[in-house]
Structures are given as structure tokens and as C-alpha cells.
Amino acid sequence: MLDTMTFTKAAAGLFGALLVFLLGSWAAEELYSVESHGQQAYVIEVDDGSAETAEVEEVDFATVLASAEVDKGARLFRQCSACHKLEQGANGTGPYLYAIVGRPKASSEGFGYSDALASLDGVWTPENLSDFLESPRNYAPGTSMSYSGMRKIEDRANLIAYLDSLDD
């Protein structure tokens, strides 16, 4: 069974694979070695973290709300209309939003609020609504509202201006 021809074929296969591996290693070293070719043609700058970060200027929400556009807020409400209604007492998946600005929190008649929202005190001021719309889960941890949030402060101001305009 084991004759010299079988042994020769096995040894040739092993040495051939080793030769291919060594030639490939040599070619890769020649292609990707910086020392053999001198200086790199293109150097990527990497931030070492020592540079000062630019300070983000906080914008006062009242200033943004003063320049809010009701028409843009009406377009933004389309996202909310999947769960909320604007008619007083007409709850959907979420509570109705008619006269929400200035209304006590968790006060829609006939709606079952989550414990997180039911435990909140106070009224829905424009600032509170902005904080809630930015991230409902951060404002009221444990809320059942699945909305991920509205990041732009201008969009939140436009939406709140629209909701505030509905009840005169």
C-alpha cells in the first residue's frame, strides 16, 4: 500500500503548499512594507485626543418656540397621528392631544396611563413637552410610549406651537 510513489506525491504536495505559502508571504511583505519603499505616499492623520472639543452652544427653548412655524408643526403631527387624536376625549393608542399645552400630566379622561406617566406631577408646559418629545424613555423611564424621540429642537418647537394653536 505504501510505496515510494505515494510517499513522493504526499511529500510533493506538502512541500508545494509550503512553497506557495512562502512566496505569498514574501510578495505581501514587498507590497505592504513601508521600510522597503521609503516614505508613505498618503498619511492618515489620527486625532490623539489632546485637541479641545468645540463647545456646543445651548439654545434656549423659549427663543426657538417664539420663532416656531405652526404649518411645519402640522406636517410633523402626521407622525403622531398614528397613535394620537386631536379631538377632545377621543383617545387612540395614545391619549388625545387637544389642549395638551397647560393641561395636567396624565389627565386624559378614559385613558390608561403607564405607571411612569401616571406618577408625574405638574402640567405639560412647552419645556416639559419638548423634553418628553426629545426622548420619552429618558423623560419617563418605563413609559409604554414606543416613540424613539424627535432630536431637532426646531421640530419639537414647531410641533408644540401647532398643538398649542389648536385650543386658542
C-alpha atoms as a PDB file:
ATOM      1  CA  MET A   1       0.000   0.000   0.000  1.00  0.00           C
ATOM      2  CA  LEU A   2       2.667   2.480   0.922  1.00  0.00           C
ATOM      3  CA  ASP A   3       5.030   2.591  -1.965  1.00  0.00           C
ATOM      4  CA  THR A   4       7.562   5.224  -2.958  1.00  0.00           C
ATOM      5  CA  MET A   5       5.243   6.849  -5.495  1.00  0.00           C
ATOM      6  CA  THR A   6       2.548   7.561  -2.862  1.00  0.00           C
ATOM      7  CA  PHE A   7       5.193   8.878  -0.465  1.00  0.00           C
ATOM      8  CA  THR A   8       6.636  11.105  -3.211  1.00  0.00           C
ATOM      9  CA  LYS A   9       3.202  12.542  -4.068  1.00  0.00           C
ATOM     10  CA  ALA A  10       2.431  13.317  -0.395  1.00  0.00           C
ATOM     11  CA  ALA A  11       5.828  14.975   0.128  1.00  0.00           C
ATOM     12  CA  ALA A  12       5.470  16.981  -3.116  1.00  0.00           C
ATOM     13  CA  GLY A  13       2.028  18.215  -2.017  1.00  0.00           C
ATOM     14  CA  LEU A  14       3.348  19.265   1.394  1.00  0.00           C
ATOM     15  CA  PHE A  15       6.442  20.996   0.009  1.00  0.00           C
ATOM     16  CA  GLY A  16       4.425  22.626  -2.796  1.00  0.00           C
ATOM     17  CA  ALA A  17       1.972  24.101  -0.270  1.00  0.00           C
ATOM     18  CA  LEU A  18       4.885  25.362   1.836  1.00  0.00           C
ATOM     19  CA  LEU A  19       6.467  26.950  -1.244  1.00  0.00           C
ATOM     20  CA  VAL A  20       3.204  28.734  -2.167  1.00  0.00           C
ATOM     21  CA  PHE A  21       2.857  29.985   1.424  1.00  0.00           C
ATOM     22  CA  LEU A  22       6.434  31.313   1.496  1.00  0.00           C
ATOM     23  CA  LEU A  23       6.103  33.026  -1.897  1.00  0.00           C
ATOM     24  CA  GLY A  24       2.815  34.616  -0.843  1.00  0.00           C
ATOM     25  CA  SER A  25       4.375  35.843   2.397  1.00  0.00           C
ATOM     26  CA  TRP A  26       7.331  37.300   0.536  1.00  0.00           C
ATOM     27  CA  ALA A  27       5.061  39.069  -2.009  1.00  0.00           C
ATOM     28  CA  ALA A  28       2.859  40.537   0.746  1.00  0.00           C
ATOM     29  CA  GLU A  29       5.911  41.778   2.632  1.00  0.00           C
ATOM     30  CA  GLU A  30       7.199  43.521  -0.500  1.00  0.00           C
ATOM     31  CA  LEU A  31       3.822  45.108  -1.274  1.00  0.00           C
ATOM     32  CA  TYR A  32       2.890  46.344   2.186  1.00  0.00           C
ATOM     33  CA  SER A  33       6.225  47.104   3.826  1.00  0.00           C
ATOM     34  CA  VAL A  34       6.898  50.815   4.297  1.00  0.00           C
ATOM     35  CA  GLU A  35      10.590  50.397   5.103  1.00  0.00           C
ATOM     36  CA  SER A  36      11.482  48.893   1.726  1.00  0.00           C
ATOM     37  CA  HIS A  37       9.707  51.619  -0.278  1.00  0.00           C
ATOM     38  CA  GLY A  38      10.612  54.688   1.723  1.00  0.00           C
ATOM     39  CA  GLN A  39       8.015  57.132   2.967  1.00  0.00           C
ATOM     40  CA  GLN A  40       4.268  56.537   2.721  1.00  0.00           C
ATOM     41  CA  ALA A  41       2.548  58.331  -0.107  1.00  0.00           C
ATOM     42  CA  TYR A  42      -0.580  59.068   1.925  1.00  0.00           C
ATOM     43  CA  VAL A  43      -0.560  59.534   5.690  1.00  0.00           C
ATOM     44  CA  ILE A  44      -3.835  59.407   7.616  1.00  0.00           C
ATOM     45  CA  GLU A  45      -3.983  61.957  10.413  1.00  0.00           C
ATOM     46  CA  VAL A  46      -5.216  60.486  13.682  1.00  0.00           C
ATOM     47  CA  ASP A  47      -6.567  62.640  16.486  1.00  0.00           C
ATOM     48  CA  ASP A  48      -4.652  61.950  19.664  1.00  0.00           C
ATOM     49  CA  GLY A  49      -7.416  63.366  21.851  1.00  0.00           C
ATOM     50  CA  SER A  50      -5.398  66.361  23.030  1.00  0.00           C
ATOM     51  CA  ALA A  51      -7.321  68.870  20.933  1.00  0.00           C
ATOM     52  CA  GLU A  52     -10.063  70.752  22.745  1.00  0.00           C
ATOM     53  CA  THR A  53     -13.592  69.806  21.787  1.00  0.00           C
ATOM     54  CA  ALA A  54     -15.774  72.572  20.478  1.00  0.00           C
ATOM     55  CA  GLU A  55     -18.400  73.594  22.998  1.00  0.00           C
ATOM     56  CA  VAL A  56     -21.962  73.114  21.843  1.00  0.00           C
ATOM     57  CA  GLU A  57     -23.980  76.254  22.384  1.00  0.00           C
ATOM     58  CA  GLU A  58     -27.204  75.582  24.260  1.00  0.00           C
ATOM     59  CA  VAL A  59     -30.189  77.188  22.598  1.00  0.00           C
ATOM     60  CA  ASP A  60     -32.946  78.475  24.864  1.00  0.00           C
ATOM     61  CA  PHE A  61     -36.165  76.631  24.057  1.00  0.00           C
ATOM     62  CA  ALA A  62     -38.298  79.741  24.620  1.00  0.00           C
ATOM     63  CA  THR A  63     -36.329  81.534  21.891  1.00  0.00           C
ATOM     64  CA  VAL A  64     -36.824  78.673  19.452  1.00  0.00           C
ATOM     65  CA  LEU A  65     -40.527  78.400  20.359  1.00  0.00           C
ATOM     66  CA  ALA A  66     -41.013  82.107  19.676  1.00  0.00           C
ATOM     67  CA  SER A  67     -39.899  81.587  16.068  1.00  0.00           C
ATOM     68  CA  ALA A  68     -41.768  78.283  15.582  1.00  0.00           C
ATOM     69  CA  GLU A  69     -43.907  77.745  12.491  1.00  0.00           C
ATOM     70  CA  VAL A  70     -47.365  76.236  13.021  1.00  0.00           C
ATOM     71  CA  ASP A  71     -47.583  74.933   9.426  1.00  0.00           C
ATOM     72  CA  LYS A  72     -44.427  72.863   9.843  1.00  0.00           C
ATOM     73  CA  GLY A  73     -45.794  71.565  13.125  1.00  0.00           C
ATOM     74  CA  ALA A  74     -48.968  70.417  11.351  1.00  0.00           C
ATOM     75  CA  ARG A  75     -46.832  68.379   8.941  1.00  0.00           C
ATOM     76  CA  LEU A  76     -44.843  66.929  11.842  1.00  0.00           C
ATOM     77  CA  PHE A  77     -48.052  65.881  13.600  1.00  0.00           C
ATOM     78  CA  ARG A  78     -48.606  63.251  10.888  1.00  0.00           C
ATOM     79  CA  GLN A  79     -46.074  61.091  12.758  1.00  0.00           C
ATOM     80  CA  CYS A  80     -48.105  61.461  15.937  1.00  0.00           C
ATOM     81  CA  SER A  81     -51.490  60.902  14.285  1.00  0.00           C
ATOM     82  CA  ALA A  82     -50.879  57.155  14.074  1.00  0.00           C
ATOM     83  CA  CYS A  83     -51.474  56.928  17.840  1.00  0.00           C
ATOM     84  CA  HIS A  84     -52.937  60.281  18.964  1.00  0.00           C
ATOM     85  CA  LYS A  85     -56.077  62.204  18.026  1.00  0.00           C
ATOM     86  CA  LEU A  86     -56.768  65.935  18.250  1.00  0.00           C
ATOM     87  CA  GLU A  87     -60.444  65.744  19.278  1.00  0.00           C
ATOM     88  CA  GLN A  88     -61.144  66.224  22.973  1.00  0.00           C
ATOM     89  CA  GLY A  89     -61.927  62.903  24.664  1.00  0.00           C
ATOM     90  CA  ALA A  90     -61.079  60.801  21.574  1.00  0.00           C
ATOM     91  CA  ASN A  91     -58.258  58.574  22.769  1.00  0.00           C
ATOM     92  CA  GLY A  92     -56.442  56.285  20.380  1.00  0.00           C
ATOM     93  CA  THR A  93     -53.468  54.096  21.153  1.00  0.00           C
ATOM     94  CA  GLY A  94     -52.220  57.203  22.963  1.00  0.00           C
ATOM     95  CA  PRO A  95     -54.208  59.913  24.765  1.00  0.00           C
ATOM     96  CA  TYR A  96     -55.861  62.755  22.863  1.00  0.00           C
ATOM     97  CA  LEU A  97     -53.664  65.831  22.441  1.00  0.00           C
ATOM     98  CA  TYR A  98     -56.291  68.574  22.249  1.00  0.00           C
ATOM     99  CA  ALA A  99     -55.308  71.333  24.721  1.00  0.00           C
ATOM    100  CA  ILE A 100     -52.234  69.388  25.841  1.00  0.00           C
ATOM    101  CA  VAL A 101     -50.188  72.551  26.491  1.00  0.00           C
ATOM    102  CA  GLY A 102     -51.029  73.653  30.018  1.00  0.00           C
ATOM    103  CA  ARG A 103     -53.028  70.520  30.871  1.00  0.00           C
ATOM    104  CA  PRO A 104     -52.070  68.433  33.931  1.00  0.00           C
ATOM    105  CA  LYS A 105     -49.948  65.388  33.120  1.00  0.00           C
ATOM    106  CA  ALA A 106     -51.731  62.041  32.769  1.00  0.00           C
ATOM    107  CA  SER A 107     -55.168  63.687  32.831  1.00  0.00           C
ATOM    108  CA  SER A 108     -56.922  62.451  29.666  1.00  0.00           C
ATOM    109  CA  GLU A 109     -60.257  61.021  30.670  1.00  0.00           C
ATOM    110  CA  GLY A 110     -60.665  57.343  29.856  1.00  0.00           C
ATOM    111  CA  PHE A 111     -57.027  56.633  29.009  1.00  0.00           C
ATOM    112  CA  GLY A 112     -54.975  54.088  30.940  1.00  0.00           C
ATOM    113  CA  TYR A 113     -51.565  55.648  31.500  1.00  0.00           C
ATOM    114  CA  SER A 114     -48.455  53.653  32.330  1.00  0.00           C
ATOM    115  CA  ASP A 115     -47.228  53.907  35.916  1.00  0.00           C
ATOM    116  CA  ALA A 116     -44.279  56.007  34.726  1.00  0.00           C
ATOM    117  CA  LEU A 117     -46.512  58.751  33.300  1.00  0.00           C
ATOM    118  CA  ALA A 118     -49.210  58.445  35.964  1.00  0.00           C
ATOM    119  CA  SER A 119     -46.617  59.201  38.640  1.00  0.00           C
ATOM    120  CA  LEU A 120     -45.553  62.515  37.038  1.00  0.00           C
ATOM    121  CA  ASP A 121     -46.804  65.709  38.666  1.00  0.00           C
ATOM    122  CA  GLY A 122     -47.327  69.150  37.220  1.00  0.00           C
ATOM    123  CA  VAL A 123     -48.631  70.390  33.895  1.00  0.00           C
ATOM    124  CA  TRP A 124     -47.417  69.980  30.333  1.00  0.00           C
ATOM    125  CA  THR A 125     -45.509  73.206  29.769  1.00  0.00           C
ATOM    126  CA  PRO A 126     -43.827  73.723  26.390  1.00  0.00           C
ATOM    127  CA  GLU A 127     -40.464  72.961  28.013  1.00  0.00           C
ATOM    128  CA  ASN A 128     -41.779  69.715  29.572  1.00  0.00           C
ATOM    129  CA  LEU A 129     -43.304  68.665  26.252  1.00  0.00           C
ATOM    130  CA  SER A 130     -40.019  69.394  24.488  1.00  0.00           C
ATOM    131  CA  ASP A 131     -38.087  67.253  26.955  1.00  0.00           C
ATOM    132  CA  PHE A 132     -40.646  64.457  26.623  1.00  0.00           C
ATOM    133  CA  LEU A 133     -40.671  64.584  22.818  1.00  0.00           C
ATOM    134  CA  GLU A 134     -36.884  64.559  22.679  1.00  0.00           C
ATOM    135  CA  SER A 135     -36.780  61.157  24.386  1.00  0.00           C
ATOM    136  CA  PRO A 136     -39.894  59.754  26.042  1.00  0.00           C
ATOM    137  CA  ARG A 137     -37.930  56.873  27.584  1.00  0.00           C
ATOM    138  CA  ASN A 138     -35.452  59.241  29.246  1.00  0.00           C
ATOM    139  CA  TYR A 139     -38.127  61.674  30.455  1.00  0.00           C
ATOM    140  CA  ALA A 140     -40.353  58.965  31.929  1.00  0.00           C
ATOM    141  CA  PRO A 141     -38.414  55.695  32.281  1.00  0.00           C
ATOM    142  CA  GLY A 142     -40.828  52.796  31.992  1.00  0.00           C
ATOM    143  CA  THR A 143     -43.291  54.584  29.721  1.00  0.00           C
ATOM    144  CA  SER A 144     -45.196  52.418  27.284  1.00  0.00           C
ATOM    145  CA  MET A 145     -44.835  55.019  24.510  1.00  0.00           C
ATOM    146  CA  SER A 146     -42.717  53.364  21.838  1.00  0.00           C
ATOM    147  CA  TYR A 147     -41.735  56.581  20.017  1.00  0.00           C
ATOM    148  CA  SER A 148     -37.942  56.935  19.824  1.00  0.00           C
ATOM    149  CA  GLY A 149     -37.924  60.725  20.039  1.00  0.00           C
ATOM    150  CA  MET A 150     -37.596  63.913  17.998  1.00  0.00           C
ATOM    151  CA  ARG A 151     -33.992  65.102  18.006  1.00  0.00           C
ATOM    152  CA  LYS A 152     -34.211  68.566  16.402  1.00  0.00           C
ATOM    153  CA  ILE A 153     -35.239  71.313  18.799  1.00  0.00           C
ATOM    154  CA  GLU A 154     -36.799  73.287  15.922  1.00  0.00           C
ATOM    155  CA  ASP A 155     -39.077  70.357  15.028  1.00  0.00           C
ATOM    156  CA  ARG A 156     -40.182  69.989  18.636  1.00  0.00           C
ATOM    157  CA  ALA A 157     -40.905  73.730  18.858  1.00  0.00           C
ATOM    158  CA  ASN A 158     -42.915  73.640  15.622  1.00  0.00           C
ATOM    159  CA  LEU A 159     -44.973  70.678  16.820  1.00  0.00           C
ATOM    160  CA  ILE A 160     -45.660  72.234  20.229  1.00  0.00           C
ATOM    161  CA  ALA A 161     -46.658  75.536  18.581  1.00  0.00           C
ATOM    162  CA  TYR A 162     -49.104  73.599  16.398  1.00  0.00           C
ATOM    163  CA  LEU A 163     -50.595  71.727  19.352  1.00  0.00           C
ATOM    164  CA  ASP A 164     -50.880  74.968  21.311  1.00  0.00           C
ATOM    165  CA  SER A 165     -52.655  76.703  18.417  1.00  0.00           C
ATOM    166  CA  LEU A 166     -55.480  74.157  18.332  1.00  0.00           C
ATOM    167  CA  ASP A 167     -57.253  75.271  21.512  1.00  0.00           C
ATOM    168  CA  ASP A 168     -56.794  79.031  21.086  1.00  0.00           C
END
